[in-house]
């Protein structure tokens, strides 16, 4: 079988069929990275990655489909958030999310990946502080990178971004680079996906 080839970087709104690139893809790793100053307005700049398991109406089926620092695994453990990379050594990714694509329930049409700034409004922090942000999709078994999207938003007033999403494509999977920002933080994105979250 031909080994998957590393793909060129995607631009905003571009898609790649992951299954065509890598027919042996069963388990994916979503790596998210960024560079931020240590402090801003006297506070640490703390970014958090999250994932939303969505149905065909782009809604979560229930609140456990919201995977983040307070809920690191989906029901059935087919999506796992691996937590913060606190040292930054040995890997460029700051946070990772693993997905067992074969085991995703059939009523999950796609998984959206977001990065938000913790307590952004209180700390007056935006993505204008963030450099070198990216999302990349790799085959968990082979380690080969299949898709990558580098966000190019500079001096953004937004404090939350949907970086991209993996969705069903026939019997396989595709990835779309999104780069959609919002000033409403993680609360706004979660509410848009119909997660039952309390107002901040």
C-alpha atoms as a PDB file:
ATOM      1  CA  UNK A   1       0.000   0.000   0.000  1.00  0.00           C
ATOM      2  CA  UNK A   2       1.296   3.440  -0.887  1.00  0.00           C
ATOM      3  CA  UNK A   3       2.268   5.502   2.146  1.00  0.00           C
ATOM      4  CA  UNK A   4       0.378   8.779   2.656  1.00  0.00           C
ATOM      5  CA  UNK A   5       2.202  11.862   1.447  1.00  0.00           C
ATOM      6  CA  UNK A   6       2.561  15.024   3.508  1.00  0.00           C
ATOM      7  CA  UNK A   7       0.161  17.585   2.080  1.00  0.00           C
ATOM      8  CA  UNK A   8       0.743  21.270   1.319  1.00  0.00           C
ATOM      9  CA  UNK A   9      -0.660  23.825   3.718  1.00  0.00           C
ATOM     10  CA  UNK A  10      -4.296  24.732   3.215  1.00  0.00           C
ATOM     11  CA  UNK A  11      -5.692  28.208   2.836  1.00  0.00           C
ATOM     12  CA  UNK A  12      -8.832  29.442   4.580  1.00  0.00           C
ATOM     13  CA  UNK A  13     -11.983  27.594   3.383  1.00  0.00           C
ATOM     14  CA  UNK A  14      -9.966  24.961   1.497  1.00  0.00           C
ATOM     15  CA  UNK A  15     -10.711  21.263   1.989  1.00  0.00           C
ATOM     16  CA  UNK A  16      -8.761  18.038   1.677  1.00  0.00           C
ATOM     17  CA  UNK A  17     -10.159  14.508   1.501  1.00  0.00           C
ATOM     18  CA  UNK A  18      -8.220  12.757   4.270  1.00  0.00           C
ATOM     19  CA  UNK A  19      -9.286   9.282   3.203  1.00  0.00           C
ATOM     20  CA  UNK A  20      -7.996   9.810  -0.343  1.00  0.00           C
ATOM     21  CA  UNK A  21      -4.686  11.082   0.999  1.00  0.00           C
ATOM     22  CA  UNK A  22      -4.428   8.209   3.483  1.00  0.00           C
ATOM     23  CA  UNK A  23      -6.715   5.208   2.761  1.00  0.00           C
ATOM     24  CA  UNK A  24      -5.375   3.497   5.896  1.00  0.00           C
ATOM     25  CA  UNK A  25      -6.563   6.326   8.163  1.00  0.00           C
ATOM     26  CA  UNK A  26      -8.462   5.008  11.183  1.00  0.00           C
ATOM     27  CA  UNK A  27      -7.269   7.198  14.055  1.00  0.00           C
ATOM     28  CA  UNK A  28      -6.386  10.863  13.688  1.00  0.00           C
ATOM     29  CA  UNK A  29      -4.520  13.293  15.911  1.00  0.00           C
ATOM     30  CA  UNK A  30      -5.450  16.961  15.737  1.00  0.00           C
ATOM     31  CA  UNK A  31      -2.537  19.126  16.824  1.00  0.00           C
ATOM     32  CA  UNK A  32      -3.066  22.788  17.656  1.00  0.00           C
ATOM     33  CA  UNK A  33      -0.259  25.247  18.215  1.00  0.00           C
ATOM     34  CA  UNK A  34       0.418  28.906  18.825  1.00  0.00           C
ATOM     35  CA  UNK A  35       2.909  31.378  20.285  1.00  0.00           C
ATOM     36  CA  UNK A  36       1.894  33.961  22.890  1.00  0.00           C
ATOM     37  CA  UNK A  37       3.647  36.387  25.227  1.00  0.00           C
ATOM     38  CA  UNK A  38       4.028  35.178  28.800  1.00  0.00           C
ATOM     39  CA  UNK A  39       1.993  38.077  30.179  1.00  0.00           C
ATOM     40  CA  UNK A  40      -0.456  40.672  28.876  1.00  0.00           C
ATOM     41  CA  UNK A  41      -2.148  43.334  31.031  1.00  0.00           C
ATOM     42  CA  UNK A  42      -0.529  41.632  34.001  1.00  0.00           C
ATOM     43  CA  UNK A  43      -2.162  38.261  33.323  1.00  0.00           C
ATOM     44  CA  UNK A  44      -0.918  35.012  31.815  1.00  0.00           C
ATOM     45  CA  UNK A  45      -2.091  34.373  28.249  1.00  0.00           C
ATOM     46  CA  UNK A  46      -3.814  31.003  28.507  1.00  0.00           C
ATOM     47  CA  UNK A  47      -5.180  29.391  25.329  1.00  0.00           C
ATOM     48  CA  UNK A  48      -7.421  26.347  25.379  1.00  0.00           C
ATOM     49  CA  UNK A  49      -8.352  23.914  22.624  1.00  0.00           C
ATOM     50  CA  UNK A  50     -11.756  22.266  22.488  1.00  0.00           C
ATOM     51  CA  UNK A  51     -13.782  20.031  20.184  1.00  0.00           C
ATOM     52  CA  UNK A  52     -17.488  19.795  19.433  1.00  0.00           C
ATOM     53  CA  UNK A  53     -19.104  16.615  18.124  1.00  0.00           C
ATOM     54  CA  UNK A  54     -21.894  17.768  15.818  1.00  0.00           C
ATOM     55  CA  UNK A  55     -24.858  16.216  14.062  1.00  0.00           C
ATOM     56  CA  UNK A  56     -26.090  17.124  10.573  1.00  0.00           C
ATOM     57  CA  UNK A  57     -27.738  20.277  11.993  1.00  0.00           C
ATOM     58  CA  UNK A  58     -24.324  21.397  13.326  1.00  0.00           C
ATOM     59  CA  UNK A  59     -25.525  20.893  16.886  1.00  0.00           C
ATOM     60  CA  UNK A  60     -24.170  18.748  19.699  1.00  0.00           C
ATOM     61  CA  UNK A  61     -26.332  15.733  20.444  1.00  0.00           C
ATOM     62  CA  UNK A  62     -25.928  16.387  24.183  1.00  0.00           C
ATOM     63  CA  UNK A  63     -23.605  18.365  26.449  1.00  0.00           C
ATOM     64  CA  UNK A  64     -21.032  15.547  26.690  1.00  0.00           C
ATOM     65  CA  UNK A  65     -20.253  16.183  23.007  1.00  0.00           C
ATOM     66  CA  UNK A  66     -18.357  19.300  24.151  1.00  0.00           C
ATOM     67  CA  UNK A  67     -14.755  18.166  24.754  1.00  0.00           C
ATOM     68  CA  UNK A  68     -12.583  20.651  26.665  1.00  0.00           C
ATOM     69  CA  UNK A  69     -10.406  21.010  29.779  1.00  0.00           C
ATOM     70  CA  UNK A  70     -13.280  20.063  32.116  1.00  0.00           C
ATOM     71  CA  UNK A  71     -14.465  17.137  29.964  1.00  0.00           C
ATOM     72  CA  UNK A  72     -11.445  15.477  28.376  1.00  0.00           C
ATOM     73  CA  UNK A  73     -13.168  12.440  26.839  1.00  0.00           C
ATOM     74  CA  UNK A  74     -16.358  11.819  24.922  1.00  0.00           C
ATOM     75  CA  UNK A  75     -18.747   9.061  25.880  1.00  0.00           C
ATOM     76  CA  UNK A  76     -17.168   5.880  24.583  1.00  0.00           C
ATOM     77  CA  UNK A  77     -13.713   7.566  24.629  1.00  0.00           C
ATOM     78  CA  UNK A  78     -13.593   7.869  20.838  1.00  0.00           C
ATOM     79  CA  UNK A  79     -12.504  11.519  21.205  1.00  0.00           C
ATOM     80  CA  UNK A  80      -9.825  12.350  23.771  1.00  0.00           C
ATOM     81  CA  UNK A  81      -8.286  15.696  24.701  1.00  0.00           C
ATOM     82  CA  UNK A  82      -4.698  15.065  25.834  1.00  0.00           C
ATOM     83  CA  UNK A  83      -4.403  18.279  27.883  1.00  0.00           C
ATOM     84  CA  UNK A  84      -1.767  20.989  27.890  1.00  0.00           C
ATOM     85  CA  UNK A  85       1.793  20.536  26.679  1.00  0.00           C
ATOM     86  CA  UNK A  86       3.247  22.477  29.600  1.00  0.00           C
ATOM     87  CA  UNK A  87       6.936  22.148  28.726  1.00  0.00           C
ATOM     88  CA  UNK A  88       6.789  22.641  24.961  1.00  0.00           C
ATOM     89  CA  UNK A  89       9.601  20.110  24.583  1.00  0.00           C
ATOM     90  CA  UNK A  90       9.676  17.362  21.984  1.00  0.00           C
ATOM     91  CA  UNK A  91       6.615  18.492  20.063  1.00  0.00           C
ATOM     92  CA  UNK A  92       5.469  21.713  18.437  1.00  0.00           C
ATOM     93  CA  UNK A  93       1.804  21.156  19.315  1.00  0.00           C
ATOM     94  CA  UNK A  94       0.530  22.898  22.435  1.00  0.00           C
ATOM     95  CA  UNK A  95      -2.583  20.742  22.710  1.00  0.00           C
ATOM     96  CA  UNK A  96      -3.751  17.561  21.001  1.00  0.00           C
ATOM     97  CA  UNK A  97      -7.058  15.835  20.447  1.00  0.00           C
ATOM     98  CA  UNK A  98      -7.245  12.198  19.335  1.00  0.00           C
ATOM     99  CA  UNK A  99     -10.168  10.840  17.325  1.00  0.00           C
ATOM    100  CA  UNK A 100     -10.983   7.217  16.610  1.00  0.00           C
ATOM    101  CA  UNK A 101     -12.763   7.827  13.310  1.00  0.00           C
ATOM    102  CA  UNK A 102     -13.907   4.219  12.950  1.00  0.00           C
ATOM    103  CA  UNK A 103     -15.784   4.407  16.248  1.00  0.00           C
ATOM    104  CA  UNK A 104     -17.487   7.775  15.836  1.00  0.00           C
ATOM    105  CA  UNK A 105     -21.263   7.246  16.065  1.00  0.00           C
ATOM    106  CA  UNK A 106     -23.048   7.567  12.739  1.00  0.00           C
ATOM    107  CA  UNK A 107     -25.068  10.532  13.965  1.00  0.00           C
ATOM    108  CA  UNK A 108     -21.851  12.537  14.448  1.00  0.00           C
ATOM    109  CA  UNK A 109     -21.427  14.239  11.077  1.00  0.00           C
ATOM    110  CA  UNK A 110     -18.432  16.377  11.947  1.00  0.00           C
ATOM    111  CA  UNK A 111     -16.067  17.498  14.683  1.00  0.00           C
ATOM    112  CA  UNK A 112     -15.183  21.185  15.000  1.00  0.00           C
ATOM    113  CA  UNK A 113     -11.950  22.324  16.661  1.00  0.00           C
ATOM    114  CA  UNK A 114     -11.686  25.645  18.476  1.00  0.00           C
ATOM    115  CA  UNK A 115      -9.076  27.618  20.365  1.00  0.00           C
ATOM    116  CA  UNK A 116     -10.114  30.248  22.883  1.00  0.00           C
ATOM    117  CA  UNK A 117      -8.400  32.609  25.316  1.00  0.00           C
ATOM    118  CA  UNK A 118      -9.239  31.844  28.927  1.00  0.00           C
ATOM    119  CA  UNK A 119     -10.934  34.757  30.738  1.00  0.00           C
ATOM    120  CA  UNK A 120     -10.217  36.883  27.667  1.00  0.00           C
ATOM    121  CA  UNK A 121     -12.681  39.685  28.365  1.00  0.00           C
ATOM    122  CA  UNK A 122     -11.674  40.025  31.999  1.00  0.00           C
ATOM    123  CA  UNK A 123      -8.000  40.088  31.026  1.00  0.00           C
ATOM    124  CA  UNK A 124      -8.541  42.256  27.913  1.00  0.00           C
ATOM    125  CA  UNK A 125      -6.765  39.735  25.703  1.00  0.00           C
ATOM    126  CA  UNK A 126      -7.434  38.979  22.038  1.00  0.00           C
ATOM    127  CA  UNK A 127      -5.918  36.918  19.237  1.00  0.00           C
ATOM    128  CA  UNK A 128      -3.915  39.995  18.342  1.00  0.00           C
ATOM    129  CA  UNK A 129      -1.471  38.592  20.936  1.00  0.00           C
ATOM    130  CA  UNK A 130      -1.316  35.200  19.210  1.00  0.00           C
ATOM    131  CA  UNK A 131       1.274  34.352  16.568  1.00  0.00           C
ATOM    132  CA  UNK A 132       2.005  31.243  14.518  1.00  0.00           C
ATOM    133  CA  UNK A 133      -1.377  29.649  15.221  1.00  0.00           C
ATOM    134  CA  UNK A 134      -2.143  26.466  13.301  1.00  0.00           C
ATOM    135  CA  UNK A 135      -4.096  23.245  13.196  1.00  0.00           C
ATOM    136  CA  UNK A 136      -2.754  20.043  11.683  1.00  0.00           C
ATOM    137  CA  UNK A 137      -4.213  16.590  11.148  1.00  0.00           C
ATOM    138  CA  UNK A 138      -2.008  13.507  11.392  1.00  0.00           C
ATOM    139  CA  UNK A 139      -2.480   9.760  11.175  1.00  0.00           C
ATOM    140  CA  UNK A 140      -2.119   8.576  14.771  1.00  0.00           C
ATOM    141  CA  UNK A 141      -0.701   5.223  13.724  1.00  0.00           C
ATOM    142  CA  UNK A 142       1.860   6.342  11.134  1.00  0.00           C
ATOM    143  CA  UNK A 143       2.549   9.834  12.471  1.00  0.00           C
ATOM    144  CA  UNK A 144       2.296  11.295   8.953  1.00  0.00           C
ATOM    145  CA  UNK A 145       0.824  14.801   8.730  1.00  0.00           C
ATOM    146  CA  UNK A 146      -2.117  14.824   6.314  1.00  0.00           C
ATOM    147  CA  UNK A 147      -3.296  18.445   6.410  1.00  0.00           C
ATOM    148  CA  UNK A 148      -2.258  21.740   7.956  1.00  0.00           C
ATOM    149  CA  UNK A 149      -3.778  25.210   8.164  1.00  0.00           C
ATOM    150  CA  UNK A 150      -1.793  28.208   9.395  1.00  0.00           C
ATOM    151  CA  UNK A 151      -3.990  31.051  10.607  1.00  0.00           C
ATOM    152  CA  UNK A 152      -2.824  34.420   9.325  1.00  0.00           C
ATOM    153  CA  UNK A 153      -5.107  36.710  11.323  1.00  0.00           C
ATOM    154  CA  UNK A 154      -3.024  39.554  12.753  1.00  0.00           C
ATOM    155  CA  UNK A 155      -4.146  42.063  15.394  1.00  0.00           C
ATOM    156  CA  UNK A 156      -7.538  40.370  15.565  1.00  0.00           C
ATOM    157  CA  UNK A 157     -10.064  41.701  18.044  1.00  0.00           C
ATOM    158  CA  UNK A 158     -11.539  38.226  18.429  1.00  0.00           C
ATOM    159  CA  UNK A 159     -10.830  36.038  21.457  1.00  0.00           C
ATOM    160  CA  UNK A 160     -12.007  32.715  20.048  1.00  0.00           C
ATOM    161  CA  UNK A 161     -11.503  30.914  16.741  1.00  0.00           C
ATOM    162  CA  UNK A 162     -12.928  27.836  15.081  1.00  0.00           C
ATOM    163  CA  UNK A 163      -9.733  26.588  13.451  1.00  0.00           C
ATOM    164  CA  UNK A 164     -11.238  23.827  11.312  1.00  0.00           C
ATOM    165  CA  UNK A 165     -13.428  20.746  11.179  1.00  0.00           C
ATOM    166  CA  UNK A 166     -13.309  17.095  10.186  1.00  0.00           C
ATOM    167  CA  UNK A 167     -16.502  15.869   8.542  1.00  0.00           C
ATOM    168  CA  UNK A 168     -17.841  12.793   6.799  1.00  0.00           C
ATOM    169  CA  UNK A 169     -17.258  12.490   3.059  1.00  0.00           C
ATOM    170  CA  UNK A 170     -19.098   9.434   1.788  1.00  0.00           C
ATOM    171  CA  UNK A 171     -17.592   6.517   3.700  1.00  0.00           C
ATOM    172  CA  UNK A 172     -14.495   8.564   4.512  1.00  0.00           C
ATOM    173  CA  UNK A 173     -13.457  11.873   6.034  1.00  0.00           C
ATOM    174  CA  UNK A 174     -12.404  15.339   4.929  1.00  0.00           C
ATOM    175  CA  UNK A 175     -10.872  18.329   6.688  1.00  0.00           C
ATOM    176  CA  UNK A 176     -11.844  21.957   6.084  1.00  0.00           C
ATOM    177  CA  UNK A 177      -9.760  24.958   7.160  1.00  0.00           C
ATOM    178  CA  UNK A 178     -12.089  27.558   8.680  1.00  0.00           C
ATOM    179  CA  UNK A 179     -10.364  30.289  10.724  1.00  0.00           C
ATOM    180  CA  UNK A 180     -13.679  31.768  11.911  1.00  0.00           C
ATOM    181  CA  UNK A 181     -13.284  34.239  14.755  1.00  0.00           C
ATOM    182  CA  UNK A 182     -15.691  35.623  17.334  1.00  0.00           C
ATOM    183  CA  UNK A 183     -15.348  38.146  20.187  1.00  0.00           C
ATOM    184  CA  UNK A 184     -17.760  36.090  22.302  1.00  0.00           C
ATOM    185  CA  UNK A 185     -15.258  33.560  23.619  1.00  0.00           C
ATOM    186  CA  UNK A 186     -15.831  29.883  24.276  1.00  0.00           C
ATOM    187  CA  UNK A 187     -19.298  30.653  25.677  1.00  0.00           C
ATOM    188  CA  UNK A 188     -20.465  32.082  22.339  1.00  0.00           C
ATOM    189  CA  UNK A 189     -19.156  29.127  20.316  1.00  0.00           C
ATOM    190  CA  UNK A 190     -20.617  26.597  22.747  1.00  0.00           C
ATOM    191  CA  UNK A 191     -24.015  28.313  22.687  1.00  0.00           C
ATOM    192  CA  UNK A 192     -23.970  28.437  18.883  1.00  0.00           C
ATOM    193  CA  UNK A 193     -23.455  24.661  18.877  1.00  0.00           C
ATOM    194  CA  UNK A 194     -26.374  24.340  21.362  1.00  0.00           C
ATOM    195  CA  UNK A 195     -24.357  23.307  24.400  1.00  0.00           C
ATOM    196  CA  UNK A 196     -26.233  24.073  27.620  1.00  0.00           C
ATOM    197  CA  UNK A 197     -23.701  26.358  29.293  1.00  0.00           C
ATOM    198  CA  UNK A 198     -24.266  29.004  31.928  1.00  0.00           C
ATOM    199  CA  UNK A 199     -23.544  32.614  31.065  1.00  0.00           C
ATOM    200  CA  UNK A 200     -20.036  33.727  32.066  1.00  0.00           C
END
